[in-house]
């Protein structure tokens, strides 16, 4: 014995009045707001990246270990977050405030306790900009740095944390701006 309708969709398609009625009711009931642009339309950064200074930043919600975050950044043609100026420090730390205590990996690590902290590009860490809080009571290695609520912490590189990536912002050329405005005249 074969079923008359193989799916609810087929049943509704057979009864065109019901299909039209359901569609019109759904379309009048659901009012979708217009999407708002939170970033400037001329941002030199990819969509959903934050523009600050001459760089673009992405603070991902997915958690990975330190090396996993390095791979995420590489896949986005970027590197892990590097905090090397007061301006970047203030910007990055403001992104680190969260009500759920999610911290972000930075590109700062070391090759074992007592070794020098280095950024991924080999630049040495200087404590003049910020201090790394080390939990000496933990028996685990603490060779990678996260930021959380305005502070930097040394953590086990295998722990799962969120990823923070950065890349250079694109150069906005005047001729591109001219063509952009010509295209959007009257918006």
C-alpha atoms as a PDB file:
ATOM      1  CA  UNK A   1       0.000   0.000   0.000  1.00  0.00           C
ATOM      2  CA  UNK A   2       1.432   3.367  -1.000  1.00  0.00           C
ATOM      3  CA  UNK A   3       0.848   6.564   0.956  1.00  0.00           C
ATOM      4  CA  UNK A   4      -1.165   9.194  -0.870  1.00  0.00           C
ATOM      5  CA  UNK A   5       1.249  11.973   0.156  1.00  0.00           C
ATOM      6  CA  UNK A   6       4.975  11.392   0.721  1.00  0.00           C
ATOM      7  CA  UNK A   7       5.336  14.575   2.742  1.00  0.00           C
ATOM      8  CA  UNK A   8       3.435  17.441   4.269  1.00  0.00           C
ATOM      9  CA  UNK A   9       4.801  19.640   1.472  1.00  0.00           C
ATOM     10  CA  UNK A  10       3.201  17.370  -1.184  1.00  0.00           C
ATOM     11  CA  UNK A  11      -0.075  17.435   0.725  1.00  0.00           C
ATOM     12  CA  UNK A  12      -0.050  21.245   0.851  1.00  0.00           C
ATOM     13  CA  UNK A  13       0.930  21.466  -2.815  1.00  0.00           C
ATOM     14  CA  UNK A  14      -2.130  19.354  -3.651  1.00  0.00           C
ATOM     15  CA  UNK A  15      -4.305  21.907  -1.886  1.00  0.00           C
ATOM     16  CA  UNK A  16      -3.206  25.181  -3.490  1.00  0.00           C
ATOM     17  CA  UNK A  17      -5.601  27.336  -1.444  1.00  0.00           C
ATOM     18  CA  UNK A  18      -4.045  26.121   1.818  1.00  0.00           C
ATOM     19  CA  UNK A  19      -0.528  26.707   0.486  1.00  0.00           C
ATOM     20  CA  UNK A  20      -1.326  30.270  -0.562  1.00  0.00           C
ATOM     21  CA  UNK A  21      -3.150  30.925   2.694  1.00  0.00           C
ATOM     22  CA  UNK A  22      -0.260  29.643   4.818  1.00  0.00           C
ATOM     23  CA  UNK A  23       2.278  31.567   2.768  1.00  0.00           C
ATOM     24  CA  UNK A  24       0.364  34.842   2.931  1.00  0.00           C
ATOM     25  CA  UNK A  25      -0.319  34.442   6.657  1.00  0.00           C
ATOM     26  CA  UNK A  26       3.380  33.730   7.351  1.00  0.00           C
ATOM     27  CA  UNK A  27       4.562  36.630   5.229  1.00  0.00           C
ATOM     28  CA  UNK A  28       2.229  39.102   6.932  1.00  0.00           C
ATOM     29  CA  UNK A  29       2.888  37.774  10.438  1.00  0.00           C
ATOM     30  CA  UNK A  30       6.681  37.803  10.220  1.00  0.00           C
ATOM     31  CA  UNK A  31       8.072  41.285   9.869  1.00  0.00           C
ATOM     32  CA  UNK A  32      11.825  41.053   9.341  1.00  0.00           C
ATOM     33  CA  UNK A  33      13.763  44.162  10.292  1.00  0.00           C
ATOM     34  CA  UNK A  34      16.061  45.715   7.760  1.00  0.00           C
ATOM     35  CA  UNK A  35      19.657  44.655   8.385  1.00  0.00           C
ATOM     36  CA  UNK A  36      21.686  47.422   9.991  1.00  0.00           C
ATOM     37  CA  UNK A  37      25.259  48.175   9.090  1.00  0.00           C
ATOM     38  CA  UNK A  38      27.274  48.436  12.290  1.00  0.00           C
ATOM     39  CA  UNK A  39      30.535  48.976  10.469  1.00  0.00           C
ATOM     40  CA  UNK A  40      31.244  51.850   8.117  1.00  0.00           C
ATOM     41  CA  UNK A  41      30.381  50.899   4.534  1.00  0.00           C
ATOM     42  CA  UNK A  42      33.905  51.799   3.385  1.00  0.00           C
ATOM     43  CA  UNK A  43      35.672  49.568   5.924  1.00  0.00           C
ATOM     44  CA  UNK A  44      38.972  48.186   4.640  1.00  0.00           C
ATOM     45  CA  UNK A  45      38.260  44.968   6.574  1.00  0.00           C
ATOM     46  CA  UNK A  46      36.370  41.839   5.592  1.00  0.00           C
ATOM     47  CA  UNK A  47      32.762  41.558   6.735  1.00  0.00           C
ATOM     48  CA  UNK A  48      32.412  40.886  10.486  1.00  0.00           C
ATOM     49  CA  UNK A  49      36.025  41.944  11.185  1.00  0.00           C
ATOM     50  CA  UNK A  50      36.673  44.954  13.412  1.00  0.00           C
ATOM     51  CA  UNK A  51      38.738  47.811  12.055  1.00  0.00           C
ATOM     52  CA  UNK A  52      41.162  49.482  14.456  1.00  0.00           C
ATOM     53  CA  UNK A  53      44.144  51.556  13.402  1.00  0.00           C
ATOM     54  CA  UNK A  54      45.815  49.953  10.403  1.00  0.00           C
ATOM     55  CA  UNK A  55      44.591  46.432  11.217  1.00  0.00           C
ATOM     56  CA  UNK A  56      41.494  44.267  11.089  1.00  0.00           C
ATOM     57  CA  UNK A  57      40.612  42.013  14.028  1.00  0.00           C
ATOM     58  CA  UNK A  58      38.375  39.013  14.442  1.00  0.00           C
ATOM     59  CA  UNK A  59      37.346  37.627  17.825  1.00  0.00           C
ATOM     60  CA  UNK A  60      35.832  34.205  17.160  1.00  0.00           C
ATOM     61  CA  UNK A  61      33.215  32.528  19.337  1.00  0.00           C
ATOM     62  CA  UNK A  62      34.400  28.958  18.679  1.00  0.00           C
ATOM     63  CA  UNK A  63      36.952  27.527  21.098  1.00  0.00           C
ATOM     64  CA  UNK A  64      40.157  25.737  20.114  1.00  0.00           C
ATOM     65  CA  UNK A  65      43.521  24.995  21.656  1.00  0.00           C
ATOM     66  CA  UNK A  66      46.342  27.474  20.997  1.00  0.00           C
ATOM     67  CA  UNK A  67      47.661  25.679  17.910  1.00  0.00           C
ATOM     68  CA  UNK A  68      44.115  25.263  16.596  1.00  0.00           C
ATOM     69  CA  UNK A  69      43.661  29.029  16.817  1.00  0.00           C
ATOM     70  CA  UNK A  70      46.919  29.527  14.966  1.00  0.00           C
ATOM     71  CA  UNK A  71      45.498  27.377  12.138  1.00  0.00           C
ATOM     72  CA  UNK A  72      42.181  29.289  12.175  1.00  0.00           C
ATOM     73  CA  UNK A  73      44.062  32.559  11.737  1.00  0.00           C
ATOM     74  CA  UNK A  74      46.270  31.160   8.967  1.00  0.00           C
ATOM     75  CA  UNK A  75      43.148  29.954   7.127  1.00  0.00           C
ATOM     76  CA  UNK A  76      41.869  33.552   7.274  1.00  0.00           C
ATOM     77  CA  UNK A  77      45.193  34.891   5.899  1.00  0.00           C
ATOM     78  CA  UNK A  78      45.910  36.434   9.276  1.00  0.00           C
ATOM     79  CA  UNK A  79      47.964  35.835  12.406  1.00  0.00           C
ATOM     80  CA  UNK A  80      47.093  35.476  16.064  1.00  0.00           C
ATOM     81  CA  UNK A  81      46.580  38.685  18.034  1.00  0.00           C
ATOM     82  CA  UNK A  82      49.779  40.594  18.827  1.00  0.00           C
ATOM     83  CA  UNK A  83      49.607  43.293  21.496  1.00  0.00           C
ATOM     84  CA  UNK A  84      52.608  45.535  20.894  1.00  0.00           C
ATOM     85  CA  UNK A  85      51.310  49.083  21.391  1.00  0.00           C
ATOM     86  CA  UNK A  86      49.208  50.876  23.979  1.00  0.00           C
ATOM     87  CA  UNK A  87      46.470  51.447  21.367  1.00  0.00           C
ATOM     88  CA  UNK A  88      46.264  47.735  20.491  1.00  0.00           C
ATOM     89  CA  UNK A  89      46.384  46.840  24.195  1.00  0.00           C
ATOM     90  CA  UNK A  90      43.409  49.089  24.972  1.00  0.00           C
ATOM     91  CA  UNK A  91      41.437  47.833  21.959  1.00  0.00           C
ATOM     92  CA  UNK A  92      42.159  44.132  22.554  1.00  0.00           C
ATOM     93  CA  UNK A  93      41.498  44.287  26.270  1.00  0.00           C
ATOM     94  CA  UNK A  94      38.165  46.032  25.656  1.00  0.00           C
ATOM     95  CA  UNK A  95      37.202  43.038  23.474  1.00  0.00           C
ATOM     96  CA  UNK A  96      38.167  40.631  26.274  1.00  0.00           C
ATOM     97  CA  UNK A  97      35.360  41.645  28.626  1.00  0.00           C
ATOM     98  CA  UNK A  98      32.699  38.962  28.688  1.00  0.00           C
ATOM     99  CA  UNK A  99      29.992  37.900  31.091  1.00  0.00           C
ATOM    100  CA  UNK A 100      30.692  34.204  30.506  1.00  0.00           C
ATOM    101  CA  UNK A 101      34.457  34.248  31.195  1.00  0.00           C
ATOM    102  CA  UNK A 102      35.553  33.318  27.674  1.00  0.00           C
ATOM    103  CA  UNK A 103      39.176  34.227  27.143  1.00  0.00           C
ATOM    104  CA  UNK A 104      41.009  34.691  23.842  1.00  0.00           C
ATOM    105  CA  UNK A 105      44.345  33.215  22.819  1.00  0.00           C
ATOM    106  CA  UNK A 106      47.026  35.679  21.756  1.00  0.00           C
ATOM    107  CA  UNK A 107      50.079  34.932  19.630  1.00  0.00           C
ATOM    108  CA  UNK A 108      52.308  35.045  22.723  1.00  0.00           C
ATOM    109  CA  UNK A 109      53.919  31.816  23.961  1.00  0.00           C
ATOM    110  CA  UNK A 110      57.127  30.299  25.287  1.00  0.00           C
ATOM    111  CA  UNK A 111      58.959  26.985  24.981  1.00  0.00           C
ATOM    112  CA  UNK A 112      58.707  25.991  28.627  1.00  0.00           C
ATOM    113  CA  UNK A 113      58.747  27.519  32.082  1.00  0.00           C
ATOM    114  CA  UNK A 114      61.599  29.950  32.559  1.00  0.00           C
ATOM    115  CA  UNK A 115      62.012  30.529  28.808  1.00  0.00           C
ATOM    116  CA  UNK A 116      61.437  33.877  27.099  1.00  0.00           C
ATOM    117  CA  UNK A 117      57.929  34.850  25.978  1.00  0.00           C
ATOM    118  CA  UNK A 118      57.866  35.418  22.205  1.00  0.00           C
ATOM    119  CA  UNK A 119      55.219  36.592  19.758  1.00  0.00           C
ATOM    120  CA  UNK A 120      54.625  34.334  16.742  1.00  0.00           C
ATOM    121  CA  UNK A 121      56.818  36.574  14.573  1.00  0.00           C
ATOM    122  CA  UNK A 122      59.737  36.077  17.009  1.00  0.00           C
ATOM    123  CA  UNK A 123      59.452  39.504  18.662  1.00  0.00           C
ATOM    124  CA  UNK A 124      60.160  39.309  22.412  1.00  0.00           C
ATOM    125  CA  UNK A 125      57.460  40.228  24.934  1.00  0.00           C
ATOM    126  CA  UNK A 126      58.112  43.315  27.068  1.00  0.00           C
ATOM    127  CA  UNK A 127      56.450  43.614  30.463  1.00  0.00           C
ATOM    128  CA  UNK A 128      56.277  47.418  30.154  1.00  0.00           C
ATOM    129  CA  UNK A 129      53.008  47.170  28.206  1.00  0.00           C
ATOM    130  CA  UNK A 130      51.176  44.547  30.289  1.00  0.00           C
ATOM    131  CA  UNK A 131      51.879  41.920  32.919  1.00  0.00           C
ATOM    132  CA  UNK A 132      51.226  38.198  32.439  1.00  0.00           C
ATOM    133  CA  UNK A 133      49.496  36.671  35.462  1.00  0.00           C
ATOM    134  CA  UNK A 134      50.921  33.203  36.120  1.00  0.00           C
ATOM    135  CA  UNK A 135      49.151  30.670  38.329  1.00  0.00           C
ATOM    136  CA  UNK A 136      52.059  28.957  40.082  1.00  0.00           C
ATOM    137  CA  UNK A 137      49.713  26.582  41.926  1.00  0.00           C
ATOM    138  CA  UNK A 138      48.827  24.770  38.682  1.00  0.00           C
ATOM    139  CA  UNK A 139      50.862  21.670  37.845  1.00  0.00           C
ATOM    140  CA  UNK A 140      50.056  22.000  34.145  1.00  0.00           C
ATOM    141  CA  UNK A 141      52.294  23.838  31.709  1.00  0.00           C
ATOM    142  CA  UNK A 142      51.337  27.469  31.275  1.00  0.00           C
ATOM    143  CA  UNK A 143      53.141  28.441  28.106  1.00  0.00           C
ATOM    144  CA  UNK A 144      50.500  30.332  26.094  1.00  0.00           C
ATOM    145  CA  UNK A 145      48.816  33.659  26.882  1.00  0.00           C
ATOM    146  CA  UNK A 146      45.110  34.493  26.927  1.00  0.00           C
ATOM    147  CA  UNK A 147      43.341  37.763  27.580  1.00  0.00           C
ATOM    148  CA  UNK A 148      40.228  38.002  29.730  1.00  0.00           C
ATOM    149  CA  UNK A 149      38.510  40.980  31.333  1.00  0.00           C
ATOM    150  CA  UNK A 150      41.406  43.325  30.694  1.00  0.00           C
ATOM    151  CA  UNK A 151      44.176  41.025  31.951  1.00  0.00           C
ATOM    152  CA  UNK A 152      46.661  38.569  30.428  1.00  0.00           C
ATOM    153  CA  UNK A 153      47.034  35.054  31.842  1.00  0.00           C
ATOM    154  CA  UNK A 154      49.418  32.209  31.126  1.00  0.00           C
ATOM    155  CA  UNK A 155      47.474  29.017  30.415  1.00  0.00           C
ATOM    156  CA  UNK A 156      48.031  25.466  29.229  1.00  0.00           C
ATOM    157  CA  UNK A 157      48.234  25.634  25.415  1.00  0.00           C
ATOM    158  CA  UNK A 158      45.982  22.565  25.155  1.00  0.00           C
ATOM    159  CA  UNK A 159      43.047  24.266  26.898  1.00  0.00           C
ATOM    160  CA  UNK A 160      40.138  25.363  24.737  1.00  0.00           C
ATOM    161  CA  UNK A 161      39.840  29.129  24.378  1.00  0.00           C
ATOM    162  CA  UNK A 162      38.458  31.485  21.770  1.00  0.00           C
ATOM    163  CA  UNK A 163      40.634  32.680  18.882  1.00  0.00           C
ATOM    164  CA  UNK A 164      41.684  36.279  18.212  1.00  0.00           C
ATOM    165  CA  UNK A 165      43.208  37.031  14.803  1.00  0.00           C
ATOM    166  CA  UNK A 166      44.556  40.133  13.115  1.00  0.00           C
ATOM    167  CA  UNK A 167      45.636  41.222   9.652  1.00  0.00           C
ATOM    168  CA  UNK A 168      46.580  44.407   7.900  1.00  0.00           C
ATOM    169  CA  UNK A 169      43.656  46.521   6.742  1.00  0.00           C
ATOM    170  CA  UNK A 170      43.309  46.937   3.002  1.00  0.00           C
ATOM    171  CA  UNK A 171      44.400  50.197   1.455  1.00  0.00           C
ATOM    172  CA  UNK A 172      41.461  52.328   0.371  1.00  0.00           C
ATOM    173  CA  UNK A 173      42.354  54.078  -2.872  1.00  0.00           C
ATOM    174  CA  UNK A 174      40.676  57.364  -3.874  1.00  0.00           C
ATOM    175  CA  UNK A 175      39.614  55.999  -7.281  1.00  0.00           C
ATOM    176  CA  UNK A 176      37.822  53.125  -5.521  1.00  0.00           C
ATOM    177  CA  UNK A 177      36.041  55.628  -3.295  1.00  0.00           C
ATOM    178  CA  UNK A 178      34.967  57.627  -6.340  1.00  0.00           C
ATOM    179  CA  UNK A 179      33.497  54.544  -8.025  1.00  0.00           C
ATOM    180  CA  UNK A 180      31.881  53.483  -4.727  1.00  0.00           C
ATOM    181  CA  UNK A 181      30.118  56.818  -4.359  1.00  0.00           C
ATOM    182  CA  UNK A 182      29.107  56.821  -8.035  1.00  0.00           C
ATOM    183  CA  UNK A 183      27.489  53.405  -7.572  1.00  0.00           C
ATOM    184  CA  UNK A 184      25.683  54.409  -4.370  1.00  0.00           C
ATOM    185  CA  UNK A 185      24.519  57.857  -5.403  1.00  0.00           C
ATOM    186  CA  UNK A 186      20.941  58.367  -4.283  1.00  0.00           C
ATOM    187  CA  UNK A 187      20.943  55.544  -1.664  1.00  0.00           C
END
